[in-house]
Amino acid sequence: MKRPVLSCSALLTVICAVPADAQAGCRMSAGDFSWAKSALQASDLVMLHRLHLIPDGRPTIILFDRTCSFEATSPSGARWIGTSHNGSIKLPDGGEAPPAVTSFASRDEKSGRRFFVMALPSIWYAAKVMPPGDKGLTGVFVHEFSHTRQMDVLKERFESAAAIHKLPDDFTDDTIQKRFQSDPNYSASIGREIELLYRAADEPDVLKARSLAREALELMQLRQKRSFTGEDAWLRPYDDLFLTMEGFGQWAGYAWLSDKKGGGMDRAAAMTKMRGSGRWWSQDEGLALFLVIDKLLPGWAGQAFGSPPLLGIEMLGKAVAAEQPPSVRS
């Protein structure tokens, strides 16, 4: 899969330390260091305080700038170890990445070790991907870092899906879109599902919102039944899994951006920021899906991270059938 951030209060006291064998110049700039600390606070705000998830074991966190990589390896996250990367970021799974704009969570399959990698703001700003101070960069961090929370929870479901069919080397969360984007019926259904879900998320009347969400769910189920057949049948579980992964990540970024204690943006602006161009189906529909779940299904985080965990489409089914009042949007 495509290399797709940690909720940890301990990381709020991070200091930038350099071991004796590291180059003397490997220290984060003041701006990058301040951002890294605030980005971890942002994830903490969503995962621990908004969703009330328990702190999980820390993944390895690797941040990098133009010349150095910085790794938080201690369980408490009390130190950043800075080393020169010489133009290639060394990854815990033995792989390498260029020191360019990127953000992803992954796992070393041999050790099971989770890790998170992201370019520091100085890289993003130099590449003119985002202007200095753009809150969307923290939204990116929160989105991608959220996947480290999902890895262990969804591991068995990914393994079950992979047992059905050997994955191609170029398989990503956009593979389904690339396979079906030229199918007018499939594309039309996706567009209508997204429209209905966003309308449901914005609808103040709970009964109307639930009706719109139910219509979207029926279209999703019909699309899957119609399209994931024959040689494409193996893709069906991944439709649910990637809507869940990307949807949760998108919602997490939105939740921070729209929180008064976080990004402080109004709801519409935060939604626009996370939707971006709306080019990628799994991210756009996934965000709409979790906005509806958050609106109509109280306590959904406990179900998403329960045993067994529920996927987004399963929680949507519960949401449209629910009779209890919706949660209060914070």
C-alpha atoms as a PDB file:
ATOM      1  CA  MET A   1       0.000   0.000   0.000  1.00  0.00           C
ATOM      2  CA  LYS A   2       0.999   3.612  -0.440  1.00  0.00           C
ATOM      3  CA  ARG A   3       2.882   4.885   2.520  1.00  0.00           C
ATOM      4  CA  PRO A   4      -0.026   6.749   3.861  1.00  0.00           C
ATOM      5  CA  VAL A   5       0.546  11.154  13.323  1.00  0.00           C
ATOM      6  CA  LEU A   6       0.720   9.973  17.928  1.00  0.00           C
ATOM      7  CA  SER A   7      -1.311  11.162  20.670  1.00  0.00           C
ATOM      8  CA  CYS A   8       1.160  11.677  23.428  1.00  0.00           C
ATOM      9  CA  SER A   9       1.277  14.189  26.215  1.00  0.00           C
ATOM     10  CA  ALA A  10       4.846  13.153  26.976  1.00  0.00           C
ATOM     11  CA  LEU A  11       5.984  14.551  23.659  1.00  0.00           C
ATOM     12  CA  LEU A  12       4.903  18.005  24.684  1.00  0.00           C
ATOM     13  CA  THR A  13       8.106  18.315  26.693  1.00  0.00           C
ATOM     14  CA  VAL A  14      10.385  17.285  23.813  1.00  0.00           C
ATOM     15  CA  ILE A  15      13.886  18.720  23.805  1.00  0.00           C
ATOM     16  CA  CYS A  16      16.135  18.748  20.763  1.00  0.00           C
ATOM     17  CA  ALA A  17      19.156  16.673  21.810  1.00  0.00           C
ATOM     18  CA  VAL A  18      22.081  15.544  19.655  1.00  0.00           C
ATOM     19  CA  PRO A  19      24.204  12.456  20.425  1.00  0.00           C
ATOM     20  CA  ALA A  20      27.967  12.741  20.518  1.00  0.00           C
ATOM     21  CA  ASP A  21      28.446  11.072  17.126  1.00  0.00           C
ATOM     22  CA  ALA A  22      25.963  13.316  15.322  1.00  0.00           C
ATOM     23  CA  GLN A  23      27.009  16.332  13.334  1.00  0.00           C
ATOM     24  CA  ALA A  24      27.014  19.496  15.404  1.00  0.00           C
ATOM     25  CA  GLY A  25      24.681  21.236  12.962  1.00  0.00           C
ATOM     26  CA  CYS A  26      21.844  18.728  13.372  1.00  0.00           C
ATOM     27  CA  ARG A  27      19.449  20.749  15.433  1.00  0.00           C
ATOM     28  CA  MET A  28      15.944  21.724  14.443  1.00  0.00           C
ATOM     29  CA  SER A  29      15.387  25.356  13.625  1.00  0.00           C
ATOM     30  CA  ALA A  30      13.349  27.228  16.214  1.00  0.00           C
ATOM     31  CA  GLY A  31      10.394  27.407  13.812  1.00  0.00           C
ATOM     32  CA  ASP A  32      10.453  23.698  12.984  1.00  0.00           C
ATOM     33  CA  PHE A  33      10.856  22.756  16.640  1.00  0.00           C
ATOM     34  CA  SER A  34       7.919  24.932  17.685  1.00  0.00           C
ATOM     35  CA  TRP A  35       5.757  23.445  14.942  1.00  0.00           C
ATOM     36  CA  ALA A  36       6.679  19.861  15.841  1.00  0.00           C
ATOM     37  CA  LYS A  37       5.668  20.460  19.455  1.00  0.00           C
ATOM     38  CA  SER A  38       2.370  22.102  18.485  1.00  0.00           C
ATOM     39  CA  ALA A  39       1.580  19.351  15.961  1.00  0.00           C
ATOM     40  CA  LEU A  40       1.892  16.707  18.685  1.00  0.00           C
ATOM     41  CA  GLN A  41      -0.357  18.821  20.893  1.00  0.00           C
ATOM     42  CA  ALA A  42      -2.868  18.938  18.040  1.00  0.00           C
ATOM     43  CA  SER A  43      -2.975  15.154  17.782  1.00  0.00           C
ATOM     44  CA  ASP A  44      -3.296  14.912  21.559  1.00  0.00           C
ATOM     45  CA  LEU A  45      -6.239  17.305  21.521  1.00  0.00           C
ATOM     46  CA  VAL A  46      -8.175  15.151  19.041  1.00  0.00           C
ATOM     47  CA  MET A  47      -7.253  11.643  20.168  1.00  0.00           C
ATOM     48  CA  LEU A  48      -7.184  12.031  23.934  1.00  0.00           C
ATOM     49  CA  HIS A  49      -9.450  14.967  24.698  1.00  0.00           C
ATOM     50  CA  ARG A  50     -11.977  14.936  21.853  1.00  0.00           C
ATOM     51  CA  LEU A  51     -12.318  11.167  21.336  1.00  0.00           C
ATOM     52  CA  HIS A  52     -11.189  10.068  24.824  1.00  0.00           C
ATOM     53  CA  LEU A  53      -8.991   7.306  23.428  1.00  0.00           C
ATOM     54  CA  ILE A  54      -6.440   5.857  25.817  1.00  0.00           C
ATOM     55  CA  PRO A  55      -2.768   6.684  25.102  1.00  0.00           C
ATOM     56  CA  ASP A  56      -1.229   4.027  22.886  1.00  0.00           C
ATOM     57  CA  GLY A  57       2.344   2.808  22.615  1.00  0.00           C
ATOM     58  CA  ARG A  58       4.530   5.309  20.824  1.00  0.00           C
ATOM     59  CA  PRO A  59       5.552   4.701  17.227  1.00  0.00           C
ATOM     60  CA  THR A  60       8.954   5.867  16.105  1.00  0.00           C
ATOM     61  CA  ILE A  61       8.651   9.441  14.827  1.00  0.00           C
ATOM     62  CA  ILE A  62      11.049  10.678  12.179  1.00  0.00           C
ATOM     63  CA  LEU A  63      10.973  14.326  11.109  1.00  0.00           C
ATOM     64  CA  PHE A  64      13.482  15.829   8.746  1.00  0.00           C
ATOM     65  CA  ASP A  65      14.689  19.054   7.192  1.00  0.00           C
ATOM     66  CA  ARG A  66      16.996  19.737   4.258  1.00  0.00           C
ATOM     67  CA  THR A  67      20.096  18.309   5.937  1.00  0.00           C
ATOM     68  CA  CYS A  68      19.139  16.296   9.022  1.00  0.00           C
ATOM     69  CA  SER A  69      16.619  13.767  10.268  1.00  0.00           C
ATOM     70  CA  PHE A  70      15.325  13.831  13.836  1.00  0.00           C
ATOM     71  CA  GLU A  71      14.074  10.716  15.547  1.00  0.00           C
ATOM     72  CA  ALA A  72      12.096  10.400  18.783  1.00  0.00           C
ATOM     73  CA  THR A  73      12.934   6.893  19.935  1.00  0.00           C
ATOM     74  CA  SER A  74      12.454   6.802  23.721  1.00  0.00           C
ATOM     75  CA  PRO A  75       9.101   5.556  25.062  1.00  0.00           C
ATOM     76  CA  SER A  76       8.517   8.928  26.693  1.00  0.00           C
ATOM     77  CA  GLY A  77       9.469  10.872  23.560  1.00  0.00           C
ATOM     78  CA  ALA A  78      11.793  13.003  25.705  1.00  0.00           C
ATOM     79  CA  ARG A  79      14.573  13.367  23.124  1.00  0.00           C
ATOM     80  CA  TRP A  80      15.021  14.046  19.425  1.00  0.00           C
ATOM     81  CA  ILE A  81      18.123  12.372  18.025  1.00  0.00           C
ATOM     82  CA  GLY A  82      19.506  14.415  15.139  1.00  0.00           C
ATOM     83  CA  THR A  83      21.717  12.959  12.400  1.00  0.00           C
ATOM     84  CA  SER A  84      22.799  14.057   8.937  1.00  0.00           C
ATOM     85  CA  HIS A  85      20.766  12.200   6.298  1.00  0.00           C
ATOM     86  CA  ASN A  86      23.058  12.945   3.348  1.00  0.00           C
ATOM     87  CA  GLY A  87      20.112  13.242   0.979  1.00  0.00           C
ATOM     88  CA  SER A  88      18.322  10.035   1.961  1.00  0.00           C
ATOM     89  CA  ILE A  89      16.038   9.447   4.965  1.00  0.00           C
ATOM     90  CA  LYS A  90      16.666   6.030   6.505  1.00  0.00           C
ATOM     91  CA  LEU A  91      13.426   4.282   7.489  1.00  0.00           C
ATOM     92  CA  PRO A  92      12.934   1.715  10.278  1.00  0.00           C
ATOM     93  CA  ASP A  93      11.883  -0.938   7.748  1.00  0.00           C
ATOM     94  CA  GLY A  94      15.170  -0.647   5.877  1.00  0.00           C
ATOM     95  CA  GLY A  95      13.761   1.550   3.153  1.00  0.00           C
ATOM     96  CA  GLU A  96      14.759   5.070   2.226  1.00  0.00           C
ATOM     97  CA  ALA A  97      12.907   8.239   1.303  1.00  0.00           C
ATOM     98  CA  PRO A  98      14.110  11.447  -0.331  1.00  0.00           C
ATOM     99  CA  PRO A  99      14.166  14.618   1.806  1.00  0.00           C
ATOM    100  CA  ALA A 100      11.162  16.045  -0.010  1.00  0.00           C
ATOM    101  CA  VAL A 101       7.567  16.940   0.829  1.00  0.00           C
ATOM    102  CA  THR A 102       5.993  13.834   2.355  1.00  0.00           C
ATOM    103  CA  SER A 103       3.986  12.593   5.330  1.00  0.00           C
ATOM    104  CA  PHE A 104       3.107   8.965   6.012  1.00  0.00           C
ATOM    105  CA  ALA A 105       2.620   6.267   8.606  1.00  0.00           C
ATOM    106  CA  SER A 106       3.895   2.770   8.009  1.00  0.00           C
ATOM    107  CA  ARG A 107       5.104  -0.406   9.677  1.00  0.00           C
ATOM    108  CA  ASP A 108       8.190  -2.593   9.564  1.00  0.00           C
ATOM    109  CA  GLU A 109       6.555  -5.907   8.716  1.00  0.00           C
ATOM    110  CA  LYS A 110       9.431  -7.936  10.180  1.00  0.00           C
ATOM    111  CA  SER A 111       9.384  -6.367  13.627  1.00  0.00           C
ATOM    112  CA  GLY A 112       5.831  -5.023  13.621  1.00  0.00           C
ATOM    113  CA  ARG A 113       7.253  -1.648  14.587  1.00  0.00           C
ATOM    114  CA  ARG A 114       5.075   1.323  13.645  1.00  0.00           C
ATOM    115  CA  PHE A 115       6.650   4.511  12.465  1.00  0.00           C
ATOM    116  CA  PHE A 116       5.703   7.950  11.226  1.00  0.00           C
ATOM    117  CA  VAL A 117       7.690  10.115   8.830  1.00  0.00           C
ATOM    118  CA  MET A 118       7.127  13.726   7.850  1.00  0.00           C
ATOM    119  CA  ALA A 119       9.034  16.603   6.321  1.00  0.00           C
ATOM    120  CA  LEU A 120       9.355  19.568   8.655  1.00  0.00           C
ATOM    121  CA  PRO A 121       7.678  22.861   7.685  1.00  0.00           C
ATOM    122  CA  SER A 122      10.864  24.318   6.229  1.00  0.00           C
ATOM    123  CA  ILE A 123      10.708  21.644   3.490  1.00  0.00           C
ATOM    124  CA  TRP A 124       7.034  22.322   2.717  1.00  0.00           C
ATOM    125  CA  TYR A 125       7.539  26.079   2.628  1.00  0.00           C
ATOM    126  CA  ALA A 126      10.613  25.882   0.408  1.00  0.00           C
ATOM    127  CA  ALA A 127       8.655  23.733  -2.045  1.00  0.00           C
ATOM    128  CA  LYS A 128       5.829  26.315  -1.967  1.00  0.00           C
ATOM    129  CA  VAL A 129       3.272  23.572  -1.235  1.00  0.00           C
ATOM    130  CA  MET A 130       1.907  25.657   1.624  1.00  0.00           C
ATOM    131  CA  PRO A 131       2.654  29.206   2.724  1.00  0.00           C
ATOM    132  CA  PRO A 132       4.380  29.734   6.087  1.00  0.00           C
ATOM    133  CA  GLY A 133       1.955  29.412   8.979  1.00  0.00           C
ATOM    134  CA  ASP A 134      -0.740  27.554   7.012  1.00  0.00           C
ATOM    135  CA  LYS A 135      -2.797  25.580   9.530  1.00  0.00           C
ATOM    136  CA  GLY A 136      -3.398  22.953   6.878  1.00  0.00           C
ATOM    137  CA  LEU A 137       0.087  21.559   7.501  1.00  0.00           C
ATOM    138  CA  THR A 138      -0.894  20.610  11.038  1.00  0.00           C
ATOM    139  CA  GLY A 139      -4.061  19.142   9.561  1.00  0.00           C
ATOM    140  CA  VAL A 140      -1.859  16.950   7.359  1.00  0.00           C
ATOM    141  CA  PHE A 141       0.135  15.868  10.418  1.00  0.00           C
ATOM    142  CA  VAL A 142      -2.972  14.975  12.406  1.00  0.00           C
ATOM    143  CA  HIS A 143      -4.454  13.090   9.449  1.00  0.00           C
ATOM    144  CA  GLU A 144      -1.423  10.953   8.732  1.00  0.00           C
ATOM    145  CA  PHE A 145      -0.481  10.456  12.376  1.00  0.00           C
ATOM    146  CA  SER A 146      -3.993   9.176  13.071  1.00  0.00           C
ATOM    147  CA  HIS A 147      -3.172   6.130  10.955  1.00  0.00           C
ATOM    148  CA  THR A 148      -0.694   4.963  13.582  1.00  0.00           C
ATOM    149  CA  ARG A 149      -3.702   4.580  15.903  1.00  0.00           C
ATOM    150  CA  GLN A 150      -5.543   2.484  13.328  1.00  0.00           C
ATOM    151  CA  MET A 151      -2.765   0.115  12.290  1.00  0.00           C
ATOM    152  CA  ASP A 152      -3.050  -2.417  15.089  1.00  0.00           C
ATOM    153  CA  VAL A 153      -6.829  -2.088  15.331  1.00  0.00           C
ATOM    154  CA  LEU A 154      -7.421  -2.829  11.634  1.00  0.00           C
ATOM    155  CA  LYS A 155      -4.504  -5.224  11.142  1.00  0.00           C
ATOM    156  CA  GLU A 156      -6.612  -8.392  11.137  1.00  0.00           C
ATOM    157  CA  ARG A 157      -9.120  -6.967   8.688  1.00  0.00           C
ATOM    158  CA  PHE A 158      -6.371  -5.959   6.286  1.00  0.00           C
ATOM    159  CA  GLU A 159      -4.799  -9.407   6.640  1.00  0.00           C
ATOM    160  CA  SER A 160      -8.124 -11.100   5.934  1.00  0.00           C
ATOM    161  CA  ALA A 161      -8.580  -9.015   2.803  1.00  0.00           C
ATOM    162  CA  ALA A 162      -5.022  -9.717   1.641  1.00  0.00           C
ATOM    163  CA  ALA A 163      -5.522 -13.470   2.111  1.00  0.00           C
ATOM    164  CA  ILE A 164      -8.195 -13.420  -0.602  1.00  0.00           C
ATOM    165  CA  HIS A 165      -5.971 -11.974  -3.300  1.00  0.00           C
ATOM    166  CA  LYS A 166      -2.246 -11.235  -3.617  1.00  0.00           C
ATOM    167  CA  LEU A 167      -1.842  -7.478  -3.719  1.00  0.00           C
ATOM    168  CA  PRO A 168      -0.068  -5.925  -6.699  1.00  0.00           C
ATOM    169  CA  ASP A 169       3.118  -4.014  -5.909  1.00  0.00           C
ATOM    170  CA  ASP A 170       1.556  -0.690  -6.892  1.00  0.00           C
ATOM    171  CA  PHE A 171      -1.549  -1.130  -4.697  1.00  0.00           C
ATOM    172  CA  THR A 172      -2.578   2.057  -2.853  1.00  0.00           C
ATOM    173  CA  ASP A 173      -5.644   3.619  -1.284  1.00  0.00           C
ATOM    174  CA  ASP A 174      -6.389   5.107  -4.705  1.00  0.00           C
ATOM    175  CA  THR A 175      -6.278   1.821  -6.630  1.00  0.00           C
ATOM    176  CA  ILE A 176     -10.066   1.456  -6.625  1.00  0.00           C
ATOM    177  CA  GLN A 177     -10.498   4.966  -7.974  1.00  0.00           C
ATOM    178  CA  LYS A 178      -7.981   4.336 -10.742  1.00  0.00           C
ATOM    179  CA  ARG A 179      -9.774   1.097 -11.629  1.00  0.00           C
ATOM    180  CA  PHE A 180     -13.294   2.573 -11.806  1.00  0.00           C
ATOM    181  CA  GLN A 181     -12.941   6.287 -12.534  1.00  0.00           C
ATOM    182  CA  SER A 182     -13.623   5.703 -16.224  1.00  0.00           C
ATOM    183  CA  ASP A 183     -16.874   3.853 -15.396  1.00  0.00           C
ATOM    184  CA  PRO A 184     -19.614   6.520 -15.666  1.00  0.00           C
ATOM    185  CA  ASN A 185     -22.071   4.606 -13.465  1.00  0.00           C
ATOM    186  CA  TYR A 186     -19.501   4.065 -10.724  1.00  0.00           C
ATOM    187  CA  SER A 187     -18.314   7.680 -10.855  1.00  0.00           C
ATOM    188  CA  ALA A 188     -21.881   8.987 -10.810  1.00  0.00           C
ATOM    189  CA  SER A 189     -22.694   6.896  -7.753  1.00  0.00           C
ATOM    190  CA  ILE A 190     -19.596   8.138  -5.907  1.00  0.00           C
ATOM    191  CA  GLY A 191     -20.529  11.732  -6.706  1.00  0.00           C
ATOM    192  CA  ARG A 192     -24.080  11.265  -5.478  1.00  0.00           C
ATOM    193  CA  GLU A 193     -22.958   9.456  -2.311  1.00  0.00           C
ATOM    194  CA  ILE A 194     -20.569  12.293  -1.468  1.00  0.00           C
ATOM    195  CA  GLU A 195     -23.269  14.901  -2.102  1.00  0.00           C
ATOM    196  CA  LEU A 196     -25.782  13.127   0.132  1.00  0.00           C
ATOM    197  CA  LEU A 197     -23.304  12.591   2.956  1.00  0.00           C
ATOM    198  CA  TYR A 198     -22.235  16.238   3.045  1.00  0.00           C
ATOM    199  CA  ARG A 199     -25.869  17.309   2.943  1.00  0.00           C
ATOM    200  CA  ALA A 200     -26.581  14.981   5.867  1.00  0.00           C
ATOM    201  CA  ALA A 201     -23.633  16.402   7.789  1.00  0.00           C
ATOM    202  CA  ASP A 202     -24.935  19.947   7.248  1.00  0.00           C
ATOM    203  CA  GLU A 203     -28.636  19.183   7.850  1.00  0.00           C
ATOM    204  CA  PRO A 204     -29.778  20.570  11.232  1.00  0.00           C
ATOM    205  CA  ASP A 205     -32.913  18.378  11.332  1.00  0.00           C
ATOM    206  CA  VAL A 206     -31.826  14.995  12.707  1.00  0.00           C
ATOM    207  CA  LEU A 207     -34.551  13.000  10.977  1.00  0.00           C
ATOM    208  CA  LYS A 208     -33.766  14.596   7.613  1.00  0.00           C
ATOM    209  CA  ALA A 209     -30.056  14.078   8.171  1.00  0.00           C
ATOM    210  CA  ARG A 210     -30.610  10.417   8.944  1.00  0.00           C
ATOM    211  CA  SER A 211     -32.778  10.035   5.828  1.00  0.00           C
ATOM    212  CA  LEU A 212     -30.083  11.564   3.611  1.00  0.00           C
ATOM    213  CA  ALA A 213     -27.436   9.366   5.192  1.00  0.00           C
ATOM    214  CA  ARG A 214     -29.600   6.286   4.692  1.00  0.00           C
ATOM    215  CA  GLU A 215     -29.969   7.101   1.006  1.00  0.00           C
ATOM    216  CA  ALA A 216     -26.201   7.463   0.722  1.00  0.00           C
ATOM    217  CA  LEU A 217     -25.657   4.130   2.464  1.00  0.00           C
ATOM    218  CA  GLU A 218     -28.043   2.376   0.098  1.00  0.00           C
ATOM    219  CA  LEU A 219     -26.171   3.809  -2.884  1.00  0.00           C
ATOM    220  CA  MET A 220     -22.843   2.694  -1.418  1.00  0.00           C
ATOM    221  CA  GLN A 221     -24.112  -0.829  -0.896  1.00  0.00           C
ATOM    222  CA  LEU A 222     -25.620  -0.970  -4.385  1.00  0.00           C
ATOM    223  CA  ARG A 223     -22.401   0.305  -5.970  1.00  0.00           C
ATOM    224  CA  GLN A 224     -20.346  -2.310  -4.159  1.00  0.00           C
ATOM    225  CA  LYS A 225     -22.740  -5.110  -5.062  1.00  0.00           C
ATOM    226  CA  ARG A 226     -22.823  -4.075  -8.712  1.00  0.00           C
ATOM    227  CA  SER A 227     -19.125  -3.337  -9.236  1.00  0.00           C
ATOM    228  CA  PHE A 228     -17.121  -5.672  -7.023  1.00  0.00           C
ATOM    229  CA  THR A 229     -17.832  -8.885  -8.878  1.00  0.00           C
ATOM    230  CA  GLY A 230     -15.803 -11.413 -10.849  1.00  0.00           C
ATOM    231  CA  GLU A 231     -12.151 -10.386 -11.139  1.00  0.00           C
ATOM    232  CA  ASP A 232     -12.871  -7.244  -9.107  1.00  0.00           C
ATOM    233  CA  ALA A 233     -14.553  -8.987  -6.155  1.00  0.00           C
ATOM    234  CA  TRP A 234     -11.352  -8.881  -4.069  1.00  0.00           C
ATOM    235  CA  LEU A 235     -11.473  -5.073  -4.018  1.00  0.00           C
ATOM    236  CA  ARG A 236     -14.687  -4.840  -1.975  1.00  0.00           C
ATOM    237  CA  PRO A 237     -13.162  -5.085   1.526  1.00  0.00           C
ATOM    238  CA  TYR A 238     -10.615  -2.442   0.586  1.00  0.00           C
ATOM    239  CA  ASP A 239     -13.374   0.002  -0.339  1.00  0.00           C
ATOM    240  CA  ASP A 240     -14.613  -0.188   3.255  1.00  0.00           C
ATOM    241  CA  LEU A 241     -11.124  -0.217   4.753  1.00  0.00           C
ATOM    242  CA  PHE A 242      -9.790   2.784   2.878  1.00  0.00           C
ATOM    243  CA  LEU A 243     -12.926   4.843   3.419  1.00  0.00           C
ATOM    244  CA  THR A 244     -12.375   4.102   7.109  1.00  0.00           C
ATOM    245  CA  MET A 245      -8.651   4.867   7.128  1.00  0.00           C
ATOM    246  CA  GLU A 246      -8.803   8.006   5.007  1.00  0.00           C
ATOM    247  CA  GLY A 247     -12.128   9.116   6.452  1.00  0.00           C
ATOM    248  CA  PHE A 248     -10.875   8.950  10.021  1.00  0.00           C
ATOM    249  CA  GLY A 249      -7.682  10.771   9.075  1.00  0.00           C
ATOM    250  CA  GLN A 250      -9.600  13.497   7.274  1.00  0.00           C
ATOM    251  CA  TRP A 251     -12.034  13.874  10.152  1.00  0.00           C
ATOM    252  CA  ALA A 252      -9.179  14.060  12.685  1.00  0.00           C
ATOM    253  CA  GLY A 253      -7.554  16.886  10.748  1.00  0.00           C
ATOM    254  CA  TYR A 254     -10.903  18.648  10.442  1.00  0.00           C
ATOM    255  CA  ALA A 255     -11.615  18.151  14.160  1.00  0.00           C
ATOM    256  CA  TRP A 256      -8.409  19.964  15.116  1.00  0.00           C
ATOM    257  CA  LEU A 257      -8.841  22.755  12.564  1.00  0.00           C
ATOM    258  CA  SER A 258     -12.394  23.454  13.734  1.00  0.00           C
ATOM    259  CA  ASP A 259     -11.694  23.200  17.472  1.00  0.00           C
ATOM    260  CA  LYS A 260     -11.556  26.480  19.392  1.00  0.00           C
ATOM    261  CA  LYS A 261      -8.573  25.129  21.317  1.00  0.00           C
ATOM    262  CA  GLY A 262      -6.961  23.943  18.093  1.00  0.00           C
ATOM    263  CA  GLY A 263      -6.963  25.618  14.703  1.00  0.00           C
ATOM    264  CA  GLY A 264      -9.836  27.908  15.651  1.00  0.00           C
ATOM    265  CA  MET A 265     -11.321  27.859  12.151  1.00  0.00           C
ATOM    266  CA  ASP A 266     -15.050  27.908  11.544  1.00  0.00           C
ATOM    267  CA  ARG A 267     -16.631  24.655  10.422  1.00  0.00           C
ATOM    268  CA  ALA A 268     -16.982  25.579   6.760  1.00  0.00           C
ATOM    269  CA  ALA A 269     -13.401  26.814   6.468  1.00  0.00           C
ATOM    270  CA  ALA A 270     -12.027  23.719   8.213  1.00  0.00           C
ATOM    271  CA  MET A 271     -14.035  21.470   5.915  1.00  0.00           C
ATOM    272  CA  THR A 272     -12.841  23.336   2.839  1.00  0.00           C
ATOM    273  CA  LYS A 273      -9.241  23.095   4.034  1.00  0.00           C
ATOM    274  CA  MET A 274      -9.423  19.327   4.506  1.00  0.00           C
ATOM    275  CA  ARG A 275     -11.376  18.674   1.302  1.00  0.00           C
ATOM    276  CA  GLY A 276      -8.883  20.563  -0.814  1.00  0.00           C
ATOM    277  CA  SER A 277      -9.535  19.844  -4.478  1.00  0.00           C
ATOM    278  CA  GLY A 278     -11.767  16.869  -3.641  1.00  0.00           C
ATOM    279  CA  ARG A 279      -9.838  14.907  -6.221  1.00  0.00           C
ATOM    280  CA  TRP A 280      -9.453  11.690  -4.254  1.00  0.00           C
ATOM    281  CA  TRP A 281     -12.616   9.724  -3.593  1.00  0.00           C
ATOM    282  CA  SER A 282     -11.465   7.898  -0.470  1.00  0.00           C
ATOM    283  CA  GLN A 283     -10.547  11.182   1.232  1.00  0.00           C
ATOM    284  CA  ASP A 284     -13.545  13.238   0.127  1.00  0.00           C
ATOM    285  CA  GLU A 285     -16.189  10.582   0.729  1.00  0.00           C
ATOM    286  CA  GLY A 286     -14.339   9.397   3.816  1.00  0.00           C
ATOM    287  CA  LEU A 287     -14.489  12.862   5.411  1.00  0.00           C
ATOM    288  CA  ALA A 288     -18.197  13.174   4.628  1.00  0.00           C
ATOM    289  CA  LEU A 289     -18.780   9.675   6.018  1.00  0.00           C
ATOM    290  CA  PHE A 290     -17.134  10.444   9.359  1.00  0.00           C
ATOM    291  CA  LEU A 291     -18.786  13.841   9.654  1.00  0.00           C
ATOM    292  CA  VAL A 292     -22.123  12.024   9.494  1.00  0.00           C
ATOM    293  CA  ILE A 293     -20.990   9.335  11.925  1.00  0.00           C
ATOM    294  CA  ASP A 294     -19.805  12.000  14.367  1.00  0.00           C
ATOM    295  CA  LYS A 295     -23.139  13.767  14.019  1.00  0.00           C
ATOM    296  CA  LEU A 296     -25.464  10.775  14.368  1.00  0.00           C
ATOM    297  CA  LEU A 297     -23.651   8.075  16.319  1.00  0.00           C
ATOM    298  CA  PRO A 298     -22.690   9.036  19.895  1.00  0.00           C
ATOM    299  CA  GLY A 299     -19.664   7.196  21.247  1.00  0.00           C
ATOM    300  CA  TRP A 300     -18.527   6.084  17.808  1.00  0.00           C
ATOM    301  CA  ALA A 301     -14.823   6.235  18.672  1.00  0.00           C
ATOM    302  CA  GLY A 302     -15.276   3.388  21.141  1.00  0.00           C
ATOM    303  CA  GLN A 303     -16.767   1.312  18.348  1.00  0.00           C
ATOM    304  CA  ALA A 304     -14.154   2.308  15.767  1.00  0.00           C
ATOM    305  CA  PHE A 305     -11.389   1.262  18.162  1.00  0.00           C
ATOM    306  CA  GLY A 306     -13.251  -1.557  19.867  1.00  0.00           C
ATOM    307  CA  SER A 307     -12.765  -5.298  19.658  1.00  0.00           C
ATOM    308  CA  PRO A 308     -13.733  -6.059  17.005  1.00  0.00           C
ATOM    309  CA  PRO A 309     -13.520  -2.589  15.440  1.00  0.00           C
ATOM    310  CA  LEU A 310     -16.325  -1.321  13.236  1.00  0.00           C
ATOM    311  CA  LEU A 311     -15.548   0.121   9.827  1.00  0.00           C
ATOM    312  CA  GLY A 312     -16.996   3.397   8.599  1.00  0.00           C
ATOM    313  CA  ILE A 313     -19.749   1.846   6.505  1.00  0.00           C
ATOM    314  CA  GLU A 314     -20.758  -0.372   9.436  1.00  0.00           C
ATOM    315  CA  MET A 315     -20.975   2.625  11.760  1.00  0.00           C
ATOM    316  CA  LEU A 316     -22.997   4.485   9.137  1.00  0.00           C
ATOM    317  CA  GLY A 317     -25.455   1.585   9.159  1.00  0.00           C
ATOM    318  CA  LYS A 318     -25.822   1.931  12.920  1.00  0.00           C
ATOM    319  CA  ALA A 319     -26.091   5.704  12.649  1.00  0.00           C
ATOM    320  CA  VAL A 320     -29.004   5.652  10.208  1.00  0.00           C
ATOM    321  CA  ALA A 321     -30.834   3.077  12.319  1.00  0.00           C
ATOM    322  CA  ALA A 322     -30.185   4.862  15.610  1.00  0.00           C
ATOM    323  CA  GLU A 323     -33.047   6.323  17.593  1.00  0.00           C
ATOM    324  CA  GLN A 324     -30.993   8.151  20.231  1.00  0.00           C
ATOM    325  CA  PRO A 325     -30.356  11.872  19.821  1.00  0.00           C
ATOM    326  CA  PRO A 326     -27.153  12.860  18.011  1.00  0.00           C
ATOM    327  CA  SER A 327     -24.042  13.950  19.846  1.00  0.00           C
ATOM    328  CA  VAL A 328     -23.509  17.645  20.341  1.00  0.00           C
ATOM    329  CA  ARG A 329     -20.925  18.919  17.879  1.00  0.00           C
ATOM    330  CA  SER A 330     -18.070  20.585  19.731  1.00  0.00           C
END
